[in-house]
Amino acid sequence: MPFSDAAAGRSPPPGAAMSAQPPAANAELPAPADRPPAGAAPAPAPAPELTLVIPTFNEAGNIAPLIARLQTALAGLRWEAIFVDDNSPDGTADALREAGRRDSRIRCIRRIGRRGLAGACIEGILAAQAPVAAVMDADLQHDETLLPRMFAAMGDGADVVVATRYAPGGEASSFGALRGFGSRFANGLAHRLLGVRSSDPMSGFFMLRRELVERLAPKLSSEGFKILLDILATAGRDVRVEELTYTFGVRHSGESKLQMRVLVDFAGLILAKATGGAVSLRFLSFAAVGALGLGVHLLALRLGLGFGARFEVAQAVATLVAMTFNFFLNNATTYRDRRLRGWAILPGLAGFYAICGLGAAANVGVAGWMFYQTSRWWVAGVAGACIGAVWNYGVSKALVWREPS
């Protein structure tokens, strides 16, 4: 029987006929046709076709305009955007949560104690719901209107689509002269040493199949900044790469992340890939710090000898000075993602001294023996400093700068 106004306790509208008899007390009332029956689950929303992965650090001022641009550019596509924020102090994560309350397609992964663009991209891609993921920056320098064409190229069979600045039709005139030269030089180096098949393997704007990253993830480095280069070098010639040109834009807010450490990370990635992964980026950084520490060690040793100290005493003091230098520089660079701060520095430094103690004892002993054999203070100093290198790296990584659980 129809659900009448009278049965609901309401007066019928003028001119409406009343039902002859009210429904029985135990009669089951039909559910309205415009909504599901009581207790039924709502129909699930369709899965996204495309996931945007956008690493952020101090990009709060760019969030609202970027989302507005994406909403316009991707109209007609089912998409989601995963912003991976490295605990920005400017409130980027708060801005993203506020945007997510207005648009459920906006998601935020806030990383605590982890830094680096490569790791952020990998985490975001592995968290994607869509089978296709695009990586782009939040600084509005990447042309979001290119995304539909990139997605169409994926549909045509590409495994990776690179938005390139360096193929005919592309442009990066917003780069300064020095940055432009460095970018082109790095591209040329990647081509020659790693044989990657892209005119712009340093690009931070690309699209690929999520399955590709899932397959390669154990072999990719979570350190550094050039994730596309790592993916292309690791995948080899088993992937189909397509390119679309675009004009690299001008940053609207925030500061560029391009610093000297980016260049160091790039050099380390090139060497790591060229050696087939035999060495890691972190070990290369540790070794570079050690090389600087060697210079400090030799300087302190020479000064000690100049003040008339016995060689063993001067070598011991130089070793302590170099260990202290290495600790603080490694804390700031090699282990910046696990950096010890505040009062944690003191037990960390004490632990570093203790770990390096055995290596330092061997250092002094071997250096002393070498000095009396060769009478060349610098040969003896180098030999002693090299003895503890492997020990210092392996044990300090495990005990002083432990990976967050």
Protein backbone atom coordinates (compact mmCIF):
# COMPACT_ATOMS: atom_id res chain seq x y z
CA MET A 1 0.00 0.00 0.00
CA PRO A 2 1.35 3.47 -0.78
CA PHE A 3 2.86 5.52 2.05
CA SER A 4 0.15 8.24 2.48
CA ASP A 5 0.34 11.58 4.24
CA ALA A 6 -2.44 10.45 6.50
CA ALA A 7 -0.54 7.39 7.60
CA ALA A 8 2.44 9.60 8.40
CA GLY A 9 0.31 11.82 10.60
CA ARG A 10 0.29 14.77 8.21
CA SER A 11 -2.66 16.50 6.60
CA PRO A 12 -3.06 15.73 2.93
CA PRO A 13 -2.58 18.55 0.49
CA PRO A 14 -5.71 20.21 -0.86
CA GLY A 15 -7.47 18.08 -3.42
CA ALA A 16 -5.62 14.93 -2.46
CA ALA A 17 -7.64 11.78 -1.87
CA MET A 18 -7.18 9.90 1.39
CA SER A 19 -6.64 6.19 1.54
CA ALA A 20 -9.76 4.25 2.43
CA GLN A 21 -8.07 2.33 5.26
CA PRO A 22 -4.78 2.94 7.14
CA PRO A 23 -2.10 0.32 6.77
CA ALA A 24 -2.01 -2.50 9.23
CA ALA A 25 0.27 -1.99 12.20
CA ASN A 26 2.62 -4.76 11.07
CA ALA A 27 2.57 -3.78 7.38
CA GLU A 28 6.03 -3.25 5.84
CA LEU A 29 6.33 0.19 4.30
CA PRO A 30 8.16 0.32 0.97
CA ALA A 31 11.34 2.37 0.80
CA PRO A 32 11.18 5.53 -1.29
CA ALA A 33 12.36 4.92 -4.82
CA ASP A 34 14.95 7.73 -4.69
CA ARG A 35 17.08 6.27 -1.92
CA PRO A 36 18.37 2.77 -1.00
CA PRO A 37 16.49 0.63 1.50
CA ALA A 38 17.23 1.25 5.17
CA GLY A 39 20.50 -0.41 6.22
CA ALA A 40 21.78 -0.81 2.67
CA ALA A 41 25.35 0.39 1.98
CA PRO A 42 25.69 3.35 -0.39
CA ALA A 43 27.01 2.59 -3.84
CA PRO A 44 30.83 2.78 -3.87
CA ALA A 45 32.43 5.63 -5.76
CA PRO A 46 34.33 4.63 -8.91
CA ALA A 47 38.07 4.14 -8.43
CA PRO A 48 40.33 6.90 -9.77
CA GLU A 49 41.97 6.49 -13.16
CA LEU A 50 44.91 8.74 -12.31
CA THR A 51 46.80 9.50 -9.09
CA LEU A 52 48.88 12.66 -8.83
CA VAL A 53 51.83 12.37 -6.45
CA ILE A 54 53.06 15.78 -5.32
CA PRO A 55 55.96 16.00 -2.84
CA THR A 56 55.93 19.17 -0.73
CA PHE A 57 58.10 21.08 1.68
CA ASN A 58 57.12 24.63 2.67
CA GLU A 59 54.56 25.00 -0.14
CA ALA A 60 51.56 26.26 1.87
CA GLY A 61 51.14 29.30 -0.39
CA ASN A 62 50.90 27.16 -3.53
CA ILE A 63 48.34 24.58 -2.37
CA ALA A 64 45.08 26.44 -3.16
CA PRO A 65 46.08 27.68 -6.64
CA LEU A 66 47.53 24.29 -7.58
CA ILE A 67 44.35 22.42 -6.60
CA ALA A 68 42.23 24.92 -8.53
CA ARG A 69 44.38 24.36 -11.61
CA LEU A 70 44.12 20.59 -11.28
CA GLN A 71 40.35 20.72 -10.93
CA THR A 72 40.14 22.64 -14.20
CA ALA A 73 42.75 20.67 -16.14
CA LEU A 74 41.47 17.23 -15.14
CA ALA A 75 37.75 17.82 -15.63
CA GLY A 76 36.28 14.63 -17.09
CA LEU A 77 38.89 12.33 -15.50
CA ARG A 78 38.53 10.39 -12.27
CA TRP A 79 41.59 11.46 -10.27
CA GLU A 80 43.05 11.82 -6.81
CA ALA A 81 46.04 13.82 -5.56
CA ILE A 82 48.40 12.50 -2.88
CA PHE A 83 50.56 15.25 -1.39
CA VAL A 84 53.56 13.83 0.47
CA ASP A 85 54.72 16.47 2.93
CA ASP A 86 58.03 16.27 4.78
CA ASN A 87 56.67 17.87 7.95
CA SER A 88 56.81 21.41 6.58
CA PRO A 89 57.07 24.06 9.31
CA ASP A 90 54.98 26.54 7.27
CA GLY A 91 51.71 24.64 7.75
CA THR A 92 51.56 22.90 4.37
CA ALA A 93 49.96 19.79 5.90
CA ASP A 94 47.27 21.92 7.59
CA ALA A 95 46.46 23.61 4.29
CA LEU A 96 46.15 20.20 2.64
CA ARG A 97 43.84 18.83 5.34
CA GLU A 98 41.62 21.88 4.97
CA ALA A 99 41.53 21.34 1.20
CA GLY A 100 40.74 17.66 1.74
CA ARG A 101 37.68 18.56 3.81
CA ARG A 102 36.31 20.40 0.79
CA ASP A 103 37.46 17.88 -1.86
CA SER A 104 37.87 14.23 -0.85
CA ARG A 105 40.19 13.64 -3.80
CA ILE A 106 42.92 15.53 -1.92
CA ARG A 107 44.99 13.33 0.39
CA CYS A 108 48.02 14.14 2.51
CA ILE A 109 50.81 11.88 3.78
CA ARG A 110 52.77 13.73 6.45
CA ARG A 111 56.23 12.21 6.94
CA ILE A 112 57.96 12.58 10.29
CA GLY A 113 61.71 11.94 10.50
CA ARG A 114 62.03 11.17 6.80
CA ARG A 115 63.23 13.56 4.12
CA GLY A 116 64.00 13.50 0.43
CA LEU A 117 62.06 13.85 -2.79
CA ALA A 118 62.83 10.36 -4.10
CA GLY A 119 61.48 8.62 -1.01
CA ALA A 120 58.40 10.86 -0.98
CA CYS A 121 57.61 10.00 -4.60
CA ILE A 122 58.03 6.27 -4.01
CA GLU A 123 55.76 6.32 -0.95
CA GLY A 124 53.13 8.33 -2.78
CA ILE A 125 53.11 6.09 -5.86
CA LEU A 126 52.87 2.94 -3.74
CA ALA A 127 49.89 4.46 -1.91
CA ALA A 128 48.08 5.31 -5.18
CA GLN A 129 44.66 3.84 -5.90
CA ALA A 130 44.89 4.39 -9.65
CA PRO A 131 46.88 2.16 -12.03
CA VAL A 132 48.58 5.27 -13.46
CA ALA A 133 50.49 7.83 -11.38
CA ALA A 134 51.90 11.23 -12.29
CA VAL A 135 54.63 13.01 -10.36
CA MET A 136 54.80 16.79 -10.37
CA ASP A 137 55.98 19.63 -8.15
CA ALA A 138 53.76 21.88 -6.05
CA ASP A 139 55.54 25.09 -7.07
CA LEU A 140 53.34 25.73 -10.15
CA GLN A 141 56.31 25.41 -12.52
CA HIS A 142 54.93 22.25 -14.14
CA ASP A 143 52.18 22.73 -16.75
CA GLU A 144 49.15 20.87 -15.42
CA THR A 145 47.31 21.28 -18.76
CA LEU A 146 49.70 18.67 -20.18
CA LEU A 147 48.34 15.97 -17.87
CA PRO A 148 45.38 14.85 -20.08
CA ARG A 149 47.73 14.40 -23.06
CA MET A 150 50.17 12.46 -20.91
CA PHE A 151 47.30 10.25 -19.72
CA ALA A 152 46.22 9.68 -23.33
CA ALA A 153 49.76 8.60 -24.22
CA MET A 154 49.65 6.08 -21.39
CA GLY A 155 46.44 4.75 -22.88
CA ASP A 156 48.24 4.32 -26.19
CA GLY A 157 50.69 1.89 -24.59
CA ALA A 158 53.48 3.97 -23.03
CA ASP A 159 54.99 2.77 -19.75
CA VAL A 160 56.50 6.16 -18.90
CA VAL A 161 55.63 9.60 -20.28
CA VAL A 162 58.20 12.32 -19.61
CA ALA A 163 57.36 16.01 -19.78
CA THR A 164 60.58 17.31 -21.31
CA ARG A 165 62.12 20.76 -21.41
CA TYR A 166 64.89 19.84 -23.84
CA ALA A 167 63.28 18.20 -26.88
CA PRO A 168 62.34 20.53 -29.80
CA GLY A 169 59.36 22.57 -28.62
CA GLY A 170 60.30 22.48 -24.95
CA GLU A 171 61.69 25.43 -23.03
CA ALA A 172 63.42 26.15 -19.72
CA SER A 173 64.21 29.83 -20.15
CA SER A 174 63.12 30.52 -16.55
CA PHE A 175 66.33 28.82 -15.44
CA GLY A 176 69.25 31.06 -14.62
CA ALA A 177 72.37 30.60 -16.72
CA LEU A 178 74.18 28.52 -14.09
CA ARG A 179 71.20 26.29 -13.30
CA GLY A 180 70.45 25.80 -16.99
CA PHE A 181 74.03 24.76 -17.69
CA GLY A 182 74.04 22.40 -14.72
CA SER A 183 70.78 20.76 -15.78
CA ARG A 184 71.95 20.17 -19.34
CA PHE A 185 75.33 18.91 -18.17
CA ALA A 186 73.64 16.45 -15.78
CA ASN A 187 71.37 15.22 -18.60
CA GLY A 188 74.37 14.64 -20.85
CA LEU A 189 76.19 12.77 -18.10
CA ALA A 190 73.17 10.53 -17.50
CA HIS A 191 72.94 9.72 -21.20
CA ARG A 192 76.61 8.82 -21.55
CA LEU A 193 77.12 6.89 -18.32
CA LEU A 194 73.73 5.22 -17.86
CA GLY A 195 72.32 5.11 -21.39
CA VAL A 196 68.86 6.36 -20.39
CA ARG A 197 66.46 6.99 -23.28
CA SER A 198 65.02 10.40 -22.53
CA SER A 199 65.96 13.93 -23.51
CA ASP A 200 65.20 15.04 -19.93
CA PRO A 201 65.90 12.25 -17.41
CA MET A 202 66.26 14.91 -14.69
CA SER A 203 62.63 15.99 -15.14
CA GLY A 204 60.44 16.10 -12.06
CA PHE A 205 57.26 15.95 -14.18
CA PHE A 206 56.34 12.52 -15.52
CA MET A 207 53.66 9.81 -15.60
CA LEU A 208 54.05 6.05 -15.33
CA ARG A 209 52.32 2.81 -14.46
CA ARG A 210 52.10 2.12 -10.74
CA GLU A 211 52.96 -1.52 -11.39
CA LEU A 212 56.36 -0.48 -12.74
CA VAL A 213 57.32 1.24 -9.48
CA GLU A 214 55.94 -1.65 -7.43
CA ARG A 215 58.24 -3.99 -9.37
CA LEU A 216 61.31 -1.74 -9.18
CA ALA A 217 60.83 -0.34 -5.67
CA PRO A 218 63.29 -2.72 -3.92
CA LYS A 219 66.03 -1.54 -6.30
CA LEU A 220 65.27 2.19 -6.13
CA SER A 221 67.04 4.62 -3.83
CA SER A 222 64.83 6.48 -1.37
CA GLU A 223 67.61 9.05 -0.98
CA GLY A 224 68.30 11.92 -3.32
CA PHE A 225 66.15 13.96 -5.66
CA LYS A 226 66.27 12.49 -9.16
CA ILE A 227 63.71 9.68 -8.97
CA LEU A 228 62.95 9.58 -12.74
CA LEU A 229 66.61 8.99 -13.56
CA ASP A 230 66.71 6.18 -11.00
CA ILE A 231 63.57 4.57 -12.47
CA LEU A 232 64.79 4.77 -16.08
CA ALA A 233 68.28 3.52 -15.24
CA THR A 234 66.92 0.63 -13.15
CA ALA A 235 64.24 -0.40 -15.67
CA GLY A 236 66.71 -0.43 -18.56
CA ARG A 237 65.27 -0.98 -22.02
CA ASP A 238 62.26 -2.98 -20.86
CA VAL A 239 59.98 0.06 -20.81
CA ARG A 240 58.41 2.16 -23.55
CA VAL A 241 59.18 5.85 -22.95
CA GLU A 242 57.25 8.65 -24.65
CA GLU A 243 57.91 12.38 -24.35
CA LEU A 244 55.79 15.53 -24.51
CA THR A 245 57.34 19.00 -24.52
CA TYR A 246 56.34 21.88 -22.24
CA THR A 247 57.59 25.23 -21.02
CA PHE A 248 59.04 25.19 -17.52
CA GLY A 249 57.28 27.90 -15.51
CA VAL A 250 58.29 30.41 -12.85
CA ARG A 251 57.99 29.63 -9.13
CA HIS A 252 55.12 31.58 -7.54
CA SER A 253 55.76 30.99 -3.85
CA GLY A 254 58.28 29.36 -1.54
CA GLU A 255 61.94 28.72 -2.25
CA SER A 256 63.74 26.46 -4.69
CA LYS A 257 64.96 23.16 -3.25
CA LEU A 258 67.97 23.12 -5.63
CA GLN A 259 70.98 23.23 -3.33
CA MET A 260 74.54 21.93 -3.46
CA ARG A 261 73.46 18.71 -1.77
CA VAL A 262 71.20 18.00 -4.78
CA LEU A 263 74.27 17.98 -7.00
CA VAL A 264 76.10 15.73 -4.55
CA ASP A 265 73.12 13.35 -4.49
CA PHE A 266 73.05 13.33 -8.30
CA ALA A 267 76.74 12.47 -8.52
CA GLY A 268 76.22 9.71 -5.98
CA LEU A 269 73.26 8.29 -7.89
CA ILE A 270 75.24 8.26 -11.13
CA LEU A 271 78.12 6.41 -9.46
CA ALA A 272 75.80 4.00 -7.63
CA LYS A 273 73.97 3.07 -10.85
CA ALA A 274 77.19 2.89 -12.86
CA THR A 275 78.59 0.38 -10.35
CA GLY A 276 75.44 -1.72 -10.42
CA GLY A 277 74.41 -0.73 -6.91
CA ALA A 278 77.67 -1.92 -5.35
CA VAL A 279 77.85 1.33 -3.40
CA SER A 280 75.04 3.33 -1.83
CA LEU A 281 74.41 7.07 -1.89
CA ARG A 282 74.80 7.17 1.88
CA PHE A 283 78.15 5.41 1.83
CA LEU A 284 79.38 7.78 -0.88
CA SER A 285 78.36 10.73 1.26
CA PHE A 286 80.05 9.18 4.29
CA ALA A 287 83.19 8.64 2.22
CA ALA A 288 83.13 12.24 0.98
CA VAL A 289 82.89 13.46 4.56
CA GLY A 290 85.74 11.13 5.41
CA ALA A 291 87.85 12.67 2.65
CA LEU A 292 87.26 16.12 4.12
CA GLY A 293 87.99 14.70 7.54
CA LEU A 294 91.26 13.38 6.22
CA GLY A 295 92.25 16.91 5.28
CA VAL A 296 91.33 18.10 8.77
CA HIS A 297 93.27 15.19 10.23
CA LEU A 298 96.42 15.99 8.26
CA LEU A 299 96.18 19.69 9.11
CA ALA A 300 95.84 18.93 12.83
CA LEU A 301 98.69 16.43 12.63
CA ARG A 302 100.95 18.94 10.89
CA LEU A 303 100.14 21.60 13.48
CA GLY A 304 100.85 19.17 16.31
CA LEU A 305 104.20 18.25 14.87
CA GLY A 306 104.93 21.94 14.31
CA PHE A 307 104.42 22.59 18.01
CA GLY A 308 107.00 19.89 18.79
CA ALA A 309 104.69 17.08 19.90
CA ARG A 310 105.79 13.49 19.52
CA PHE A 311 104.26 11.86 16.46
CA GLU A 312 102.09 9.45 18.46
CA VAL A 313 100.64 12.29 20.53
CA ALA A 314 100.06 14.51 17.50
CA GLN A 315 98.43 11.61 15.65
CA ALA A 316 96.12 10.84 18.57
CA VAL A 317 95.01 14.47 18.85
CA ALA A 318 94.52 14.74 15.09
CA THR A 319 92.40 11.58 15.16
CA LEU A 320 90.14 13.03 17.87
CA VAL A 321 89.75 16.30 15.97
CA ALA A 322 88.90 14.47 12.73
CA MET A 323 86.37 12.21 14.48
CA THR A 324 84.58 15.24 15.93
CA PHE A 325 84.56 16.98 12.55
CA ASN A 326 83.23 13.86 10.82
CA PHE A 327 80.47 13.38 13.36
CA PHE A 328 79.01 16.86 12.99
CA LEU A 329 79.32 16.95 9.20
CA ASN A 330 77.76 13.48 8.82
CA ASN A 331 74.97 14.51 11.17
CA ALA A 332 74.22 17.52 8.95
CA THR A 333 74.57 15.83 5.54
CA THR A 334 74.89 12.04 5.33
CA TYR A 335 72.24 11.43 7.97
CA ARG A 336 70.21 14.62 7.60
CA ASP A 337 67.02 12.52 7.51
CA ARG A 338 67.98 11.00 10.88
CA ARG A 339 69.70 14.10 12.25
CA LEU A 340 70.39 14.18 15.97
CA ARG A 341 69.23 17.41 17.57
CA GLY A 342 69.47 19.14 20.91
CA TRP A 343 70.63 17.04 23.81
CA ALA A 344 70.59 13.90 21.63
CA ILE A 345 73.83 15.15 20.07
CA LEU A 346 75.84 14.49 23.24
CA PRO A 347 75.13 10.74 23.58
CA GLY A 348 75.39 10.47 19.81
CA LEU A 349 78.84 12.03 19.82
CA ALA A 350 79.90 9.86 22.77
CA GLY A 351 78.64 6.78 20.93
CA PHE A 352 80.47 7.82 17.79
CA TYR A 353 83.70 8.17 19.79
CA ALA A 354 83.18 4.74 21.35
CA ILE A 355 82.39 3.05 18.05
CA CYS A 356 85.41 4.63 16.40
CA GLY A 357 87.64 3.77 19.37
CA LEU A 358 88.81 0.45 18.02
CA GLY A 359 89.42 1.96 14.61
CA ALA A 360 91.26 4.88 16.20
CA ALA A 361 93.54 2.53 18.15
CA ALA A 362 94.40 0.69 14.96
CA ASN A 363 94.76 4.06 13.24
CA VAL A 364 97.41 5.27 15.69
CA GLY A 365 99.25 1.94 15.75
CA VAL A 366 99.40 1.50 11.99
CA ALA A 367 100.28 5.15 11.40
CA GLY A 368 103.09 4.99 13.94
CA TRP A 369 104.53 1.88 12.34
CA MET A 370 104.27 3.47 8.87
CA PHE A 371 105.97 6.66 10.07
CA TYR A 372 108.98 4.83 11.43
CA GLN A 373 109.15 2.74 8.27
CA THR A 374 108.87 5.59 5.76
CA SER A 375 109.55 8.80 7.75
CA ARG A 376 106.75 10.37 5.69
CA TRP A 377 104.18 11.82 8.02
CA TRP A 378 101.47 12.19 5.35
CA VAL A 379 101.78 8.57 4.18
CA ALA A 380 101.50 7.41 7.78
CA GLY A 381 98.52 9.70 8.38
CA VAL A 382 96.62 8.43 5.31
CA ALA A 383 97.29 4.78 6.20
CA GLY A 384 96.06 5.24 9.74
CA ALA A 385 92.95 7.17 8.70
CA CYS A 386 91.93 4.51 6.17
CA ILE A 387 92.04 1.65 8.68
CA GLY A 388 88.84 2.53 10.49
CA ALA A 389 86.75 3.74 7.53
CA VAL A 390 84.62 0.66 6.93
CA TRP A 391 84.19 0.01 10.64
CA ASN A 392 83.15 3.59 11.32
CA TYR A 393 80.51 3.59 8.59
CA GLY A 394 78.93 0.23 9.27
CA VAL A 395 78.66 0.44 13.03
CA SER A 396 77.76 4.14 13.30
CA LYS A 397 74.95 3.61 10.79
CA ALA A 398 73.58 0.78 12.90
CA LEU A 399 73.98 2.33 16.36
CA VAL A 400 74.31 6.12 16.22
CA TRP A 401 72.03 7.07 13.33
CA ARG A 402 69.56 4.19 13.58
CA GLU A 403 66.78 3.98 11.04
CA PRO A 404 63.48 5.15 12.61
CA SER A 405 61.26 2.23 13.56
